[in-house]
Amino acid sequence: MLDGRQIRAARAMLGWSREDLLKAAGISMSALLRMESGQADSRGSTLSKVIHALASAGIELVHRDDGAIGILLKKQEVSQQFSWRCDPEAAPCQLNRK
């Protein structure tokens, strides 16, 4: 099951706003707010859309037997979505979304 904390953490890791996730998943703001606040969404299709959108961006949801939850961002996805910009005149280097 997808936990609201995982959704918020995944958005933060991807640098996504709520609007970015709405566009990627094709869901309503009210559905996302319910999911992020921990209120179960009655439609499995909404849950599937969010999981698919996050997975397509490189997020892997983690659920361990001991009850621990988390997320992982696949390394190849990071390099495809972000680029480093290093200007010798300006430090430090910046990580920018492509």
N, C-alpha and C. Protein backbone atom coordinates (compact mmCIF):
# COMPACT_ATOMS: atom_id res chain seq x y z
N MET A 1 0.85 -1.19 0.00
CA MET A 1 0.00 0.00 0.00
C MET A 1 0.88 1.24 0.00
N LEU A 2 0.50 2.23 -0.72
CA LEU A 2 1.23 3.49 -0.81
C LEU A 2 0.89 4.37 0.38
N ASP A 3 1.90 4.87 1.05
CA ASP A 3 1.74 5.72 2.23
C ASP A 3 1.89 7.18 1.80
N GLY A 4 1.11 8.07 2.40
CA GLY A 4 1.19 9.49 2.06
C GLY A 4 2.57 10.07 2.24
N ARG A 5 3.30 9.57 3.24
CA ARG A 5 4.67 10.06 3.47
C ARG A 5 5.58 9.69 2.32
N GLN A 6 5.33 8.53 1.71
CA GLN A 6 6.13 8.12 0.55
C GLN A 6 5.86 9.04 -0.63
N ILE A 7 4.62 9.43 -0.81
CA ILE A 7 4.29 10.33 -1.92
C ILE A 7 4.99 11.67 -1.73
N ARG A 8 4.90 12.23 -0.54
CA ARG A 8 5.55 13.52 -0.27
C ARG A 8 7.07 13.42 -0.42
N ALA A 9 7.65 12.33 0.09
CA ALA A 9 9.10 12.14 -0.03
C ALA A 9 9.51 11.96 -1.49
N ALA A 10 8.72 11.22 -2.25
CA ALA A 10 9.03 11.01 -3.66
C ALA A 10 8.98 12.32 -4.43
N ARG A 11 7.96 13.12 -4.15
CA ARG A 11 7.87 14.43 -4.82
C ARG A 11 9.08 15.28 -4.48
N ALA A 12 9.47 15.27 -3.22
CA ALA A 12 10.64 16.06 -2.80
C ALA A 12 11.90 15.56 -3.49
N MET A 13 12.08 14.25 -3.55
CA MET A 13 13.28 13.70 -4.17
C MET A 13 13.34 14.02 -5.66
N LEU A 14 12.19 14.05 -6.30
CA LEU A 14 12.13 14.37 -7.73
C LEU A 14 12.13 15.87 -8.00
N GLY A 15 11.90 16.66 -6.96
CA GLY A 15 11.77 18.10 -7.16
C GLY A 15 10.43 18.47 -7.77
N TRP A 16 9.42 17.62 -7.56
CA TRP A 16 8.10 17.82 -8.13
C TRP A 16 7.20 18.57 -7.17
N SER A 17 6.41 19.46 -7.71
CA SER A 17 5.32 20.08 -6.95
C SER A 17 4.12 19.12 -7.00
N ARG A 18 3.10 19.45 -6.26
CA ARG A 18 1.87 18.65 -6.36
C ARG A 18 1.33 18.71 -7.78
N GLU A 19 1.42 19.88 -8.40
CA GLU A 19 0.91 20.03 -9.76
C GLU A 19 1.67 19.14 -10.74
N ASP A 20 2.98 18.99 -10.53
CA ASP A 20 3.76 18.10 -11.40
C ASP A 20 3.25 16.67 -11.31
N LEU A 21 2.98 16.22 -10.08
CA LEU A 21 2.47 14.85 -9.91
C LEU A 21 1.06 14.71 -10.47
N LEU A 22 0.25 15.74 -10.31
CA LEU A 22 -1.11 15.69 -10.87
C LEU A 22 -1.06 15.48 -12.38
N LYS A 23 -0.18 16.23 -13.04
CA LYS A 23 -0.05 16.11 -14.50
C LYS A 23 0.47 14.73 -14.89
N ALA A 24 1.48 14.25 -14.16
CA ALA A 24 2.08 12.96 -14.50
C ALA A 24 1.11 11.80 -14.27
N ALA A 25 0.29 11.90 -13.22
CA ALA A 25 -0.61 10.81 -12.86
C ALA A 25 -2.01 10.96 -13.45
N GLY A 26 -2.39 12.18 -13.82
CA GLY A 26 -3.73 12.41 -14.35
C GLY A 26 -4.81 12.23 -13.29
N ILE A 27 -4.55 12.75 -12.09
CA ILE A 27 -5.53 12.66 -11.00
C ILE A 27 -5.91 14.06 -10.54
N SER A 28 -6.91 14.14 -9.67
CA SER A 28 -7.36 15.44 -9.17
C SER A 28 -6.57 15.86 -7.94
N MET A 29 -6.57 17.16 -7.67
CA MET A 29 -5.90 17.68 -6.48
C MET A 29 -6.53 17.10 -5.21
N SER A 30 -7.84 16.99 -5.19
CA SER A 30 -8.50 16.47 -3.98
C SER A 30 -8.08 15.03 -3.70
N ALA A 31 -7.93 14.22 -4.74
CA ALA A 31 -7.48 12.83 -4.56
C ALA A 31 -6.06 12.80 -4.01
N LEU A 32 -5.19 13.65 -4.56
CA LEU A 32 -3.81 13.68 -4.09
C LEU A 32 -3.73 14.15 -2.64
N LEU A 33 -4.48 15.17 -2.30
CA LEU A 33 -4.47 15.67 -0.92
C LEU A 33 -4.95 14.60 0.05
N ARG A 34 -5.97 13.84 -0.33
CA ARG A 34 -6.44 12.75 0.52
C ARG A 34 -5.35 11.70 0.70
N MET A 35 -4.68 11.36 -0.39
CA MET A 35 -3.63 10.34 -0.32
C MET A 35 -2.47 10.81 0.53
N GLU A 36 -2.03 12.05 0.33
CA GLU A 36 -0.89 12.57 1.09
C GLU A 36 -1.21 12.74 2.57
N SER A 37 -2.47 12.96 2.90
CA SER A 37 -2.84 13.14 4.31
C SER A 37 -3.11 11.81 5.00
N GLY A 38 -3.03 10.72 4.25
CA GLY A 38 -3.21 9.41 4.85
C GLY A 38 -4.63 8.88 4.79
N GLN A 39 -5.52 9.62 4.16
CA GLN A 39 -6.89 9.14 3.99
C GLN A 39 -6.93 8.24 2.76
N ALA A 40 -7.45 7.06 2.93
CA ALA A 40 -7.47 6.10 1.83
C ALA A 40 -8.33 6.61 0.68
N ASP A 41 -7.84 6.46 -0.52
CA ASP A 41 -8.63 6.78 -1.70
C ASP A 41 -9.40 5.52 -2.07
N SER A 42 -10.67 5.67 -2.29
CA SER A 42 -11.52 4.51 -2.54
C SER A 42 -11.29 3.89 -3.92
N ARG A 43 -10.66 4.62 -4.81
CA ARG A 43 -10.46 4.10 -6.17
C ARG A 43 -9.05 3.56 -6.34
N GLY A 44 -8.97 2.27 -6.62
CA GLY A 44 -7.68 1.65 -6.87
C GLY A 44 -7.00 2.20 -8.10
N SER A 45 -7.79 2.68 -9.06
CA SER A 45 -7.21 3.22 -10.28
C SER A 45 -6.40 4.49 -9.99
N THR A 46 -6.84 5.29 -9.02
CA THR A 46 -6.11 6.50 -8.65
C THR A 46 -4.77 6.13 -8.04
N LEU A 47 -4.78 5.16 -7.16
CA LEU A 47 -3.56 4.67 -6.53
C LEU A 47 -2.60 4.14 -7.59
N SER A 48 -3.12 3.36 -8.52
CA SER A 48 -2.29 2.80 -9.59
C SER A 48 -1.66 3.90 -10.45
N LYS A 49 -2.42 4.95 -10.73
CA LYS A 49 -1.90 6.05 -11.54
C LYS A 49 -0.73 6.75 -10.84
N VAL A 50 -0.86 6.96 -9.54
CA VAL A 50 0.22 7.62 -8.78
C VAL A 50 1.45 6.73 -8.74
N ILE A 51 1.26 5.45 -8.45
CA ILE A 51 2.38 4.51 -8.40
C ILE A 51 3.08 4.46 -9.75
N HIS A 52 2.31 4.40 -10.84
CA HIS A 52 2.90 4.35 -12.18
C HIS A 52 3.66 5.63 -12.50
N ALA A 53 3.10 6.79 -12.17
CA ALA A 53 3.77 8.06 -12.45
C ALA A 53 5.10 8.14 -11.70
N LEU A 54 5.10 7.75 -10.43
CA LEU A 54 6.33 7.79 -9.65
C LEU A 54 7.35 6.78 -10.17
N ALA A 55 6.89 5.58 -10.51
CA ALA A 55 7.79 4.55 -11.03
C ALA A 55 8.40 4.99 -12.36
N SER A 56 7.60 5.64 -13.20
CA SER A 56 8.11 6.13 -14.49
C SER A 56 9.19 7.18 -14.32
N ALA A 57 9.16 7.88 -13.19
CA ALA A 57 10.17 8.90 -12.90
C ALA A 57 11.37 8.32 -12.16
N GLY A 58 11.34 7.00 -11.88
CA GLY A 58 12.48 6.35 -11.25
C GLY A 58 12.33 6.06 -9.78
N ILE A 59 11.14 6.28 -9.23
CA ILE A 59 10.92 6.04 -7.80
C ILE A 59 10.53 4.58 -7.58
N GLU A 60 11.18 3.96 -6.62
CA GLU A 60 10.81 2.61 -6.19
C GLU A 60 10.29 2.70 -4.76
N LEU A 61 9.11 2.17 -4.54
CA LEU A 61 8.50 2.17 -3.20
C LEU A 61 9.04 0.98 -2.42
N VAL A 62 9.41 1.23 -1.16
CA VAL A 62 9.98 0.19 -0.31
C VAL A 62 9.03 -0.09 0.85
N HIS A 63 8.72 -1.37 1.04
CA HIS A 63 7.91 -1.84 2.17
C HIS A 63 8.60 -3.09 2.72
N ARG A 64 9.14 -2.98 3.92
CA ARG A 64 9.82 -4.13 4.52
C ARG A 64 8.88 -4.91 5.43
N ASP A 65 9.26 -6.15 5.69
CA ASP A 65 8.46 -7.02 6.56
C ASP A 65 8.32 -6.48 7.97
N ASP A 66 9.31 -5.70 8.43
CA ASP A 66 9.25 -5.17 9.79
C ASP A 66 8.38 -3.91 9.89
N GLY A 67 7.74 -3.53 8.79
CA GLY A 67 6.86 -2.37 8.78
C GLY A 67 7.51 -1.09 8.31
N ALA A 68 8.82 -1.10 8.09
CA ALA A 68 9.52 0.09 7.61
C ALA A 68 9.09 0.39 6.17
N ILE A 69 8.98 1.69 5.86
CA ILE A 69 8.64 2.11 4.51
C ILE A 69 9.68 3.13 4.05
N GLY A 70 9.75 3.31 2.75
CA GLY A 70 10.67 4.31 2.21
C GLY A 70 10.54 4.38 0.70
N ILE A 71 11.47 5.10 0.10
CA ILE A 71 11.53 5.21 -1.35
C ILE A 71 12.98 5.17 -1.78
N LEU A 72 13.19 4.78 -3.01
CA LEU A 72 14.51 4.82 -3.64
C LEU A 72 14.35 5.52 -4.98
N LEU A 73 15.38 6.26 -5.38
CA LEU A 73 15.41 6.87 -6.71
C LEU A 73 16.50 6.17 -7.49
N LYS A 74 16.12 5.53 -8.58
CA LYS A 74 17.07 4.78 -9.38
C LYS A 74 18.09 5.73 -9.99
N LYS A 75 19.36 5.36 -9.91
CA LYS A 75 20.46 6.21 -10.33
C LYS A 75 20.35 6.65 -11.78
N GLN A 76 20.02 5.75 -12.68
CA GLN A 76 19.93 6.12 -14.10
C GLN A 76 18.88 7.19 -14.34
N GLU A 77 17.81 7.15 -13.56
CA GLU A 77 16.76 8.15 -13.71
C GLU A 77 17.24 9.53 -13.28
N VAL A 78 18.09 9.58 -12.27
CA VAL A 78 18.63 10.85 -11.80
C VAL A 78 19.43 11.52 -12.91
N SER A 79 20.29 10.76 -13.56
CA SER A 79 21.13 11.34 -14.60
C SER A 79 20.31 11.76 -15.82
N GLN A 80 19.17 11.12 -16.05
CA GLN A 80 18.34 11.49 -17.19
C GLN A 80 17.51 12.74 -16.91
N GLN A 81 17.19 13.00 -15.65
CA GLN A 81 16.31 14.11 -15.31
C GLN A 81 17.05 15.36 -14.86
N PHE A 82 18.30 15.21 -14.45
CA PHE A 82 19.03 16.33 -13.88
C PHE A 82 20.38 16.49 -14.55
N SER A 83 20.92 17.69 -14.50
CA SER A 83 22.26 17.94 -15.01
C SER A 83 22.99 18.87 -14.05
N TRP A 84 24.28 18.71 -13.98
CA TRP A 84 25.10 19.58 -13.14
C TRP A 84 25.54 20.79 -13.95
N ARG A 85 25.49 21.96 -13.33
CA ARG A 85 25.97 23.18 -13.97
C ARG A 85 27.06 23.74 -13.07
N CYS A 86 28.28 23.74 -13.58
CA CYS A 86 29.39 24.26 -12.81
C CYS A 86 30.00 25.45 -13.54
N ASP A 87 29.98 26.57 -12.91
CA ASP A 87 30.54 27.80 -13.45
C ASP A 87 31.73 28.16 -12.57
N PRO A 88 32.94 28.24 -13.14
CA PRO A 88 34.11 28.54 -12.32
C PRO A 88 33.99 29.85 -11.54
N GLU A 89 33.20 30.78 -12.05
CA GLU A 89 33.03 32.07 -11.40
C GLU A 89 32.02 32.01 -10.25
N ALA A 90 31.15 31.00 -10.28
CA ALA A 90 30.09 30.90 -9.27
C ALA A 90 30.15 29.53 -8.61
N ALA A 91 30.32 29.53 -7.33
CA ALA A 91 30.33 28.26 -6.59
C ALA A 91 29.15 28.27 -5.64
N PRO A 92 28.61 27.18 -5.27
CA PRO A 92 28.94 25.82 -5.67
C PRO A 92 28.24 25.44 -6.97
N CYS A 93 28.51 24.22 -7.43
CA CYS A 93 27.82 23.71 -8.61
C CYS A 93 26.34 23.57 -8.30
N GLN A 94 25.53 23.63 -9.35
CA GLN A 94 24.08 23.53 -9.18
C GLN A 94 23.56 22.30 -9.91
N LEU A 95 22.59 21.65 -9.29
CA LEU A 95 21.89 20.53 -9.91
C LEU A 95 20.59 21.07 -10.49
N ASN A 96 20.44 20.97 -11.80
CA ASN A 96 19.26 21.53 -12.48
C ASN A 96 18.45 20.43 -13.13
N ARG A 97 17.12 20.62 -13.12
CA ARG A 97 16.24 19.71 -13.86
C ARG A 97 16.40 19.98 -15.34
N LYS A 98 16.45 18.90 -16.14
CA LYS A 98 16.54 19.05 -17.59
C LYS A 98 15.20 19.45 -18.15
